[in-house]
PDB file of N, CA and C in Angstrom:
ATOM      1  N   UNK A   1      -9.419 -28.345  -2.510  1.00  0.00           N
ATOM      2  CA  UNK A   1      -9.863 -28.231  -1.123  1.00  0.00           C
ATOM      3  C   UNK A   1      -8.745 -27.630  -0.268  1.00  0.00           C
ATOM      4  N   UNK A   2      -9.117 -27.215   0.906  1.00  0.00           N
ATOM      5  CA  UNK A   2      -8.121 -26.614   1.786  1.00  0.00           C
ATOM      6  C   UNK A   2      -7.363 -27.690   2.549  1.00  0.00           C
ATOM      7  N   UNK A   3      -6.131 -27.358   2.869  1.00  0.00           N
ATOM      8  CA  UNK A   3      -5.315 -28.278   3.638  1.00  0.00           C
ATOM      9  C   UNK A   3      -5.639 -28.103   5.119  1.00  0.00           C
ATOM     10  N   UNK A   4      -5.898 -29.183   5.836  1.00  0.00           N
ATOM     11  CA  UNK A   4      -6.386 -29.075   7.212  1.00  0.00           C
ATOM     12  C   UNK A   4      -5.354 -28.530   8.205  1.00  0.00           C
ATOM     13  N   UNK A   5      -4.067 -28.673   7.932  1.00  0.00           N
ATOM     14  CA  UNK A   5      -3.049 -28.268   8.894  1.00  0.00           C
ATOM     15  C   UNK A   5      -2.623 -26.816   8.756  1.00  0.00           C
ATOM     16  N   UNK A   6      -3.019 -26.157   7.689  1.00  0.00           N
ATOM     17  CA  UNK A   6      -2.597 -24.782   7.477  1.00  0.00           C
ATOM     18  C   UNK A   6      -3.545 -23.797   8.159  1.00  0.00           C
ATOM     19  N   UNK A   7      -2.973 -22.714   8.644  1.00  0.00           N
ATOM     20  CA  UNK A   7      -3.768 -21.626   9.201  1.00  0.00           C
ATOM     21  C   UNK A   7      -4.606 -21.025   8.075  1.00  0.00           C
ATOM     22  N   UNK A   8      -5.773 -20.473   8.387  1.00  0.00           N
ATOM     23  CA  UNK A   8      -6.678 -20.003   7.339  1.00  0.00           C
ATOM     24  C   UNK A   8      -6.056 -18.872   6.525  1.00  0.00           C
ATOM     25  N   UNK A   9      -5.129 -18.115   7.088  1.00  0.00           N
ATOM     26  CA  UNK A   9      -4.476 -17.048   6.339  1.00  0.00           C
ATOM     27  C   UNK A   9      -3.384 -17.566   5.403  1.00  0.00           C
ATOM     28  N   UNK A  10      -3.036 -18.825   5.535  1.00  0.00           N
ATOM     29  CA  UNK A  10      -2.000 -19.424   4.684  1.00  0.00           C
ATOM     30  C   UNK A  10      -2.592 -20.197   3.513  1.00  0.00           C
ATOM     31  N   UNK A  11      -3.891 -20.379   3.497  1.00  0.00           N
ATOM     32  CA  UNK A  11      -4.534 -21.125   2.415  1.00  0.00           C
ATOM     33  C   UNK A  11      -4.710 -20.245   1.191  1.00  0.00           C
ATOM     34  N   UNK A  12      -4.527 -20.812   0.007  1.00  0.00           N
ATOM     35  CA  UNK A  12      -4.588 -20.061  -1.247  1.00  0.00           C
ATOM     36  C   UNK A  12      -5.961 -19.435  -1.469  1.00  0.00           C
ATOM     37  N   UNK A  13      -7.024 -20.159  -1.152  1.00  0.00           N
ATOM     38  CA  UNK A  13      -8.366 -19.605  -1.383  1.00  0.00           C
ATOM     39  C   UNK A  13      -8.658 -18.450  -0.430  1.00  0.00           C
ATOM     40  N   UNK A  14      -8.126 -18.489   0.784  1.00  0.00           N
ATOM     41  CA  UNK A  14      -8.317 -17.382   1.724  1.00  0.00           C
ATOM     42  C   UNK A  14      -7.563 -16.142   1.263  1.00  0.00           C
ATOM     43  N   UNK A  15      -6.357 -16.345   0.774  1.00  0.00           N
ATOM     44  CA  UNK A  15      -5.555 -15.217   0.285  1.00  0.00           C
ATOM     45  C   UNK A  15      -6.238 -14.570  -0.912  1.00  0.00           C
ATOM     46  N   UNK A  16      -6.747 -15.383  -1.810  1.00  0.00           N
ATOM     47  CA  UNK A  16      -7.457 -14.858  -2.981  1.00  0.00           C
ATOM     48  C   UNK A  16      -8.701 -14.079  -2.560  1.00  0.00           C
ATOM     49  N   UNK A  17      -9.443 -14.604  -1.622  1.00  0.00           N
ATOM     50  CA  UNK A  17     -10.646 -13.922  -1.124  1.00  0.00           C
ATOM     51  C   UNK A  17     -10.286 -12.600  -0.451  1.00  0.00           C
ATOM     52  N   UNK A  18      -9.242 -12.592   0.355  1.00  0.00           N
ATOM     53  CA  UNK A  18      -8.829 -11.370   1.026  1.00  0.00           C
ATOM     54  C   UNK A  18      -8.400 -10.298   0.025  1.00  0.00           C
ATOM     55  N   UNK A  19      -7.691 -10.696  -1.045  1.00  0.00           N
ATOM     56  CA  UNK A  19      -7.294  -9.740  -2.088  1.00  0.00           C
ATOM     57  C   UNK A  19      -8.524  -9.138  -2.756  1.00  0.00           C
ATOM     58  N   UNK A  20      -9.513  -9.968  -3.050  1.00  0.00           N
ATOM     59  CA  UNK A  20     -10.731  -9.465  -3.686  1.00  0.00           C
ATOM     60  C   UNK A  20     -11.475  -8.496  -2.775  1.00  0.00           C
ATOM     61  N   UNK A  21     -11.562  -8.828  -1.500  1.00  0.00           N
ATOM     62  CA  UNK A  21     -12.227  -7.946  -0.540  1.00  0.00           C
ATOM     63  C   UNK A  21     -11.467  -6.629  -0.406  1.00  0.00           C
ATOM     64  N   UNK A  22     -10.152  -6.704  -0.329  1.00  0.00           N
ATOM     65  CA  UNK A  22      -9.319  -5.515  -0.197  1.00  0.00           C
ATOM     66  C   UNK A  22      -9.457  -4.600  -1.407  1.00  0.00           C
ATOM     67  N   UNK A  23      -9.434  -5.161  -2.600  1.00  0.00           N
ATOM     68  CA  UNK A  23      -9.580  -4.368  -3.825  1.00  0.00           C
ATOM     69  C   UNK A  23     -10.975  -3.748  -3.894  1.00  0.00           C
ATOM     70  N   UNK A  24     -11.998  -4.495  -3.484  1.00  0.00           N
ATOM     71  CA  UNK A  24     -13.363  -3.957  -3.480  1.00  0.00           C
ATOM     72  C   UNK A  24     -13.494  -2.783  -2.510  1.00  0.00           C
ATOM     73  N   UNK A  25     -12.883  -2.890  -1.343  1.00  0.00           N
ATOM     74  CA  UNK A  25     -12.928  -1.799  -0.366  1.00  0.00           C
ATOM     75  C   UNK A  25     -12.203  -0.567  -0.910  1.00  0.00           C
ATOM     76  N   UNK A  26     -11.047  -0.769  -1.539  1.00  0.00           N
ATOM     77  CA  UNK A  26     -10.323   0.357  -2.124  1.00  0.00           C
ATOM     78  C   UNK A  26     -11.131   1.019  -3.233  1.00  0.00           C
ATOM     79  N   UNK A  27     -11.761   0.219  -4.082  1.00  0.00           N
ATOM     80  CA  UNK A  27     -12.581   0.770  -5.173  1.00  0.00           C
ATOM     81  C   UNK A  27     -13.767   1.540  -4.614  1.00  0.00           C
ATOM     82  N   UNK A  28     -14.418   1.007  -3.595  1.00  0.00           N
ATOM     83  CA  UNK A  28     -15.548   1.713  -2.984  1.00  0.00           C
ATOM     84  C   UNK A  28     -15.106   3.018  -2.326  1.00  0.00           C
ATOM     85  N   UNK A  29     -13.915   3.015  -1.756  1.00  0.00           N
ATOM     86  CA  UNK A  29     -13.391   4.233  -1.144  1.00  0.00           C
ATOM     87  C   UNK A  29     -13.169   5.318  -2.186  1.00  0.00           C
ATOM     88  N   UNK A  30     -12.584   4.945  -3.326  1.00  0.00           N
ATOM     89  CA  UNK A  30     -12.353   5.920  -4.387  1.00  0.00           C
ATOM     90  C   UNK A  30     -13.682   6.366  -4.998  1.00  0.00           C
ATOM     91  N   UNK A  31     -14.591   5.434  -5.223  1.00  0.00           N
ATOM     92  CA  UNK A  31     -15.882   5.783  -5.810  1.00  0.00           C
ATOM     93  C   UNK A  31     -16.753   6.624  -4.875  1.00  0.00           C
ATOM     94  N   UNK A  32     -16.481   6.553  -3.582  1.00  0.00           N
ATOM     95  CA  UNK A  32     -17.265   7.356  -2.636  1.00  0.00           C
ATOM     96  C   UNK A  32     -17.028   8.847  -2.839  1.00  0.00           C
ATOM     97  N   UNK A  33     -15.952   9.203  -3.536  1.00  0.00           N
ATOM     98  CA  UNK A  33     -15.697  10.610  -3.824  1.00  0.00           C
ATOM     99  C   UNK A  33     -16.772  11.210  -4.722  1.00  0.00           C
ATOM    100  N   UNK A  34     -17.500  10.378  -5.428  1.00  0.00           N
ATOM    101  CA  UNK A  34     -18.580  10.875  -6.271  1.00  0.00           C
ATOM    102  C   UNK A  34     -19.758  11.380  -5.437  1.00  0.00           C
ATOM    103  N   UNK A  35     -19.857  10.931  -4.190  1.00  0.00           N
ATOM    104  CA  UNK A  35     -20.993  11.257  -3.339  1.00  0.00           C
ATOM    105  C   UNK A  35     -20.739  12.425  -2.393  1.00  0.00           C
ATOM    106  N   UNK A  36     -19.506  12.886  -2.301  1.00  0.00           N
ATOM    107  CA  UNK A  36     -19.198  13.962  -1.366  1.00  0.00           C
ATOM    108  C   UNK A  36     -18.728  15.200  -2.111  1.00  0.00           C
ATOM    109  N   UNK A  37     -18.904  16.334  -1.479  1.00  0.00           N
ATOM    110  CA  UNK A  37     -18.411  17.587  -2.036  1.00  0.00           C
ATOM    111  C   UNK A  37     -17.086  17.909  -1.364  1.00  0.00           C
ATOM    112  N   UNK A  38     -16.041  17.991  -2.163  1.00  0.00           N
ATOM    113  CA  UNK A  38     -14.716  18.271  -1.616  1.00  0.00           C
ATOM    114  C   UNK A  38     -14.414  19.759  -1.752  1.00  0.00           C
ATOM    115  N   UNK A  39     -13.715  20.280  -0.779  1.00  0.00           N
ATOM    116  CA  UNK A  39     -13.258  21.666  -0.816  1.00  0.00           C
ATOM    117  C   UNK A  39     -11.787  21.654  -1.201  1.00  0.00           C
ATOM    118  N   UNK A  40     -11.506  22.028  -2.414  1.00  0.00           N
ATOM    119  CA  UNK A  40     -10.114  22.000  -2.863  1.00  0.00           C
ATOM    120  C   UNK A  40      -9.400  23.263  -2.404  1.00  0.00           C
ATOM    121  N   UNK A  41      -8.133  23.093  -2.091  1.00  0.00           N
ATOM    122  CA  UNK A  41      -7.321  24.203  -1.628  1.00  0.00           C
ATOM    123  C   UNK A  41      -6.238  24.575  -2.630  1.00  0.00           C
ATOM    124  N   UNK A  42      -5.753  23.599  -3.403  1.00  0.00           N
ATOM    125  CA  UNK A  42      -4.639  23.832  -4.313  1.00  0.00           C
ATOM    126  C   UNK A  42      -4.996  23.578  -5.774  1.00  0.00           C
ATOM    127  N   UNK A  43      -6.220  23.271  -6.083  1.00  0.00           N
ATOM    128  CA  UNK A  43      -6.636  23.011  -7.455  1.00  0.00           C
ATOM    129  C   UNK A  43      -6.546  21.545  -7.817  1.00  0.00           C
ATOM    130  N   UNK A  44      -5.346  20.983  -7.719  1.00  0.00           N
ATOM    131  CA  UNK A  44      -5.172  19.577  -8.102  1.00  0.00           C
ATOM    132  C   UNK A  44      -5.804  18.640  -7.075  1.00  0.00           C
ATOM    133  N   UNK A  45      -5.915  19.080  -5.840  1.00  0.00           N
ATOM    134  CA  UNK A  45      -6.506  18.212  -4.819  1.00  0.00           C
ATOM    135  C   UNK A  45      -8.009  18.046  -4.998  1.00  0.00           C
ATOM    136  N   UNK A  46      -8.589  18.727  -5.951  1.00  0.00           N
ATOM    137  CA  UNK A  46      -9.998  18.539  -6.257  1.00  0.00           C
ATOM    138  C   UNK A  46     -10.239  17.503  -7.341  1.00  0.00           C
ATOM    139  N   UNK A  47      -9.158  16.963  -7.915  1.00  0.00           N
ATOM    140  CA  UNK A  47      -9.317  15.972  -8.981  1.00  0.00           C
ATOM    141  C   UNK A  47      -9.820  14.644  -8.415  1.00  0.00           C
ATOM    142  N   UNK A  48     -10.469  13.874  -9.282  1.00  0.00           N
ATOM    143  CA  UNK A  48     -11.054  12.595  -8.852  1.00  0.00           C
ATOM    144  C   UNK A  48      -9.949  11.609  -8.474  1.00  0.00           C
ATOM    145  N   UNK A  49     -10.074  11.015  -7.330  1.00  0.00           N
ATOM    146  CA  UNK A  49      -9.119  10.014  -6.874  1.00  0.00           C
ATOM    147  C   UNK A  49      -7.797  10.583  -6.405  1.00  0.00           C
ATOM    148  N   UNK A  50      -7.762  11.873  -6.086  1.00  0.00           N
ATOM    149  CA  UNK A  50      -6.517  12.508  -5.683  1.00  0.00           C
ATOM    150  C   UNK A  50      -5.888  11.808  -4.488  1.00  0.00           C
ATOM    151  N   UNK A  51      -6.667  11.543  -3.466  1.00  0.00           N
ATOM    152  CA  UNK A  51      -6.119  10.915  -2.258  1.00  0.00           C
ATOM    153  C   UNK A  51      -5.521   9.550  -2.565  1.00  0.00           C
ATOM    154  N   UNK A  52      -6.156   8.798  -3.453  1.00  0.00           N
ATOM    155  CA  UNK A  52      -5.677   7.455  -3.784  1.00  0.00           C
ATOM    156  C   UNK A  52      -4.349   7.518  -4.535  1.00  0.00           C
ATOM    157  N   UNK A  53      -4.295   8.310  -5.618  1.00  0.00           N
ATOM    158  CA  UNK A  53      -3.050   8.315  -6.383  1.00  0.00           C
ATOM    159  C   UNK A  53      -1.947   9.062  -5.669  1.00  0.00           C
ATOM    160  N   UNK A  54      -2.277  10.101  -4.897  1.00  0.00           N
ATOM    161  CA  UNK A  54      -1.255  10.813  -4.134  1.00  0.00           C
ATOM    162  C   UNK A  54      -0.669   9.896  -3.052  1.00  0.00           C
ATOM    163  N   UNK A  55      -1.524   9.162  -2.372  1.00  0.00           N
ATOM    164  CA  UNK A  55      -1.053   8.220  -1.358  1.00  0.00           C
ATOM    165  C   UNK A  55      -0.187   7.128  -1.942  1.00  0.00           C
ATOM    166  N   UNK A  56      -0.572   6.625  -3.122  1.00  0.00           N
ATOM    167  CA  UNK A  56       0.207   5.575  -3.774  1.00  0.00           C
ATOM    168  C   UNK A  56       1.583   6.093  -4.190  1.00  0.00           C
ATOM    169  N   UNK A  57       1.621   7.267  -4.805  1.00  0.00           N
ATOM    170  CA  UNK A  57       2.903   7.836  -5.239  1.00  0.00           C
ATOM    171  C   UNK A  57       3.786   8.161  -4.037  1.00  0.00           C
ATOM    172  N   UNK A  58       3.192   8.686  -2.971  1.00  0.00           N
ATOM    173  CA  UNK A  58       3.953   8.994  -1.768  1.00  0.00           C
ATOM    174  C   UNK A  58       4.517   7.730  -1.130  1.00  0.00           C
ATOM    175  N   UNK A  59       3.726   6.670  -1.096  1.00  0.00           N
ATOM    176  CA  UNK A  59       4.198   5.392  -0.549  1.00  0.00           C
ATOM    177  C   UNK A  59       5.352   4.846  -1.368  1.00  0.00           C
ATOM    178  N   UNK A  60       5.230   4.924  -2.697  1.00  0.00           N
ATOM    179  CA  UNK A  60       6.321   4.464  -3.560  1.00  0.00           C
ATOM    180  C   UNK A  60       7.585   5.281  -3.326  1.00  0.00           C
ATOM    181  N   UNK A  61       7.438   6.589  -3.164  1.00  0.00           N
ATOM    182  CA  UNK A  61       8.593   7.453  -2.918  1.00  0.00           C
ATOM    183  C   UNK A  61       9.262   7.110  -1.585  1.00  0.00           C
ATOM    184  N   UNK A  62       8.467   6.810  -0.570  1.00  0.00           N
ATOM    185  CA  UNK A  62       9.045   6.448   0.727  1.00  0.00           C
ATOM    186  C   UNK A  62       9.789   5.118   0.655  1.00  0.00           C
ATOM    187  N   UNK A  63       9.262   4.170  -0.103  1.00  0.00           N
ATOM    188  CA  UNK A  63       9.949   2.883  -0.255  1.00  0.00           C
ATOM    189  C   UNK A  63      11.280   3.078  -0.975  1.00  0.00           C
ATOM    190  N   UNK A  64      11.277   3.864  -2.046  1.00  0.00           N
ATOM    191  CA  UNK A  64      12.514   4.121  -2.787  1.00  0.00           C
ATOM    192  C   UNK A  64      13.517   4.867  -1.912  1.00  0.00           C
ATOM    193  N   UNK A  65      13.058   5.875  -1.160  1.00  0.00           N
ATOM    194  CA  UNK A  65      13.948   6.626  -0.275  1.00  0.00           C
ATOM    195  C   UNK A  65      14.527   5.728   0.813  1.00  0.00           C
ATOM    196  N   UNK A  66      13.718   4.834   1.378  1.00  0.00           N
ATOM    197  CA  UNK A  66      14.210   3.918   2.405  1.00  0.00           C
ATOM    198  C   UNK A  66      15.228   2.950   1.827  1.00  0.00           C
ATOM    199  N   UNK A  67      15.001   2.509   0.597  1.00  0.00           N
ATOM    200  CA  UNK A  67      15.946   1.608  -0.054  1.00  0.00           C
ATOM    201  C   UNK A  67      17.287   2.311  -0.268  1.00  0.00           C
ATOM    202  N   UNK A  68      17.238   3.549  -0.755  1.00  0.00           N
ATOM    203  CA  UNK A  68      18.476   4.308  -0.972  1.00  0.00           C
ATOM    204  C   UNK A  68      19.175   4.604   0.352  1.00  0.00           C
ATOM    205  N   UNK A  69      18.410   4.936   1.390  1.00  0.00           N
ATOM    206  CA  UNK A  69      18.987   5.187   2.703  1.00  0.00           C
ATOM    207  C   UNK A  69      19.636   3.921   3.254  1.00  0.00           C
ATOM    208  N   UNK A  70      19.039   2.780   2.968  1.00  0.00           N
ATOM    209  CA  UNK A  70      19.627   1.513   3.394  1.00  0.00           C
ATOM    210  C   UNK A  70      20.984   1.275   2.762  1.00  0.00           C
ATOM    211  N   UNK A  71      21.139   1.646   1.496  1.00  0.00           N
ATOM    212  CA  UNK A  71      22.442   1.497   0.839  1.00  0.00           C
ATOM    213  C   UNK A  71      23.475   2.455   1.426  1.00  0.00           C
ATOM    214  N   UNK A  72      23.053   3.644   1.811  1.00  0.00           N
ATOM    215  CA  UNK A  72      23.971   4.627   2.376  1.00  0.00           C
ATOM    216  C   UNK A  72      24.409   4.217   3.782  1.00  0.00           C
ATOM    217  N   UNK A  73      23.478   3.719   4.579  1.00  0.00           N
ATOM    218  CA  UNK A  73      23.769   3.398   5.970  1.00  0.00           C
ATOM    219  C   UNK A  73      24.242   1.967   6.203  1.00  0.00           C
ATOM    220  N   UNK A  74      24.261   1.163   5.158  1.00  0.00           N
ATOM    221  CA  UNK A  74      24.601  -0.249   5.316  1.00  0.00           C
ATOM    222  C   UNK A  74      26.052  -0.405   5.788  1.00  0.00           C
ATOM    223  N   UNK A  75      26.246  -1.308   6.689  1.00  0.00           N
ATOM    224  CA  UNK A  75      27.585  -1.642   7.196  1.00  0.00           C
ATOM    225  C   UNK A  75      27.926  -3.056   6.775  1.00  0.00           C
ATOM    226  N   UNK A  76      29.199  -3.342   6.711  1.00  0.00           N
ATOM    227  CA  UNK A  76      29.647  -4.679   6.363  1.00  0.00           C
ATOM    228  C   UNK A  76      29.322  -5.673   7.461  1.00  0.00           C
ATOM    229  N   UNK A  77      29.374  -6.946   7.125  1.00  0.00           N
ATOM    230  CA  UNK A  77      29.063  -7.979   8.106  1.00  0.00           C
ATOM    231  C   UNK A  77      30.081  -8.013   9.235  1.00  0.00           C
ATOM    232  N   UNK A  78      31.323  -7.628   8.969  1.00  0.00           N
ATOM    233  CA  UNK A  78      32.357  -7.666   9.988  1.00  0.00           C
ATOM    234  C   UNK A  78      32.587  -6.290  10.619  1.00  0.00           C
ATOM    235  N   UNK A  79      31.575  -5.454  10.602  1.00  0.00           N
ATOM    236  CA  UNK A  79      31.697  -4.084  11.112  1.00  0.00           C
ATOM    237  C   UNK A  79      32.087  -4.071  12.586  1.00  0.00           C
ATOM    238  N   UNK A  80      31.488  -4.925  13.395  1.00  0.00           N
ATOM    239  CA  UNK A  80      31.765  -4.922  14.831  1.00  0.00           C
ATOM    240  C   UNK A  80      33.033  -5.694  15.191  1.00  0.00           C
ATOM    241  N   UNK A  81      33.590  -6.412  14.247  1.00  0.00           N
ATOM    242  CA  UNK A  81      34.805  -7.176  14.507  1.00  0.00           C
ATOM    243  C   UNK A  81      36.063  -6.314  14.404  1.00  0.00           C
ATOM    244  N   UNK A  82      35.965  -5.156  13.803  1.00  0.00           N
ATOM    245  CA  UNK A  82      37.151  -4.305  13.606  1.00  0.00           C
ATOM    246  C   UNK A  82      37.635  -3.659  14.870  1.00  0.00           C
TER     247      UNK A  82
END
């Protein structure tokens, strides 16, 4: 059962339900490509699920780039004390 003092977004069953809904929406979005006619411009952008996998790879690249940039720009804890 759910715990009465927790916010509904903090309950395990709510989180599980939200994940299922989110995955279903993503799957329906990708499957909707079967119903539309796409106009490809570069050849590869006409492949099935291009927007989904391109977006995922781009997001991963941005996370990795931000992580590397964080290491380059990181300052020590006593930076302002000097």
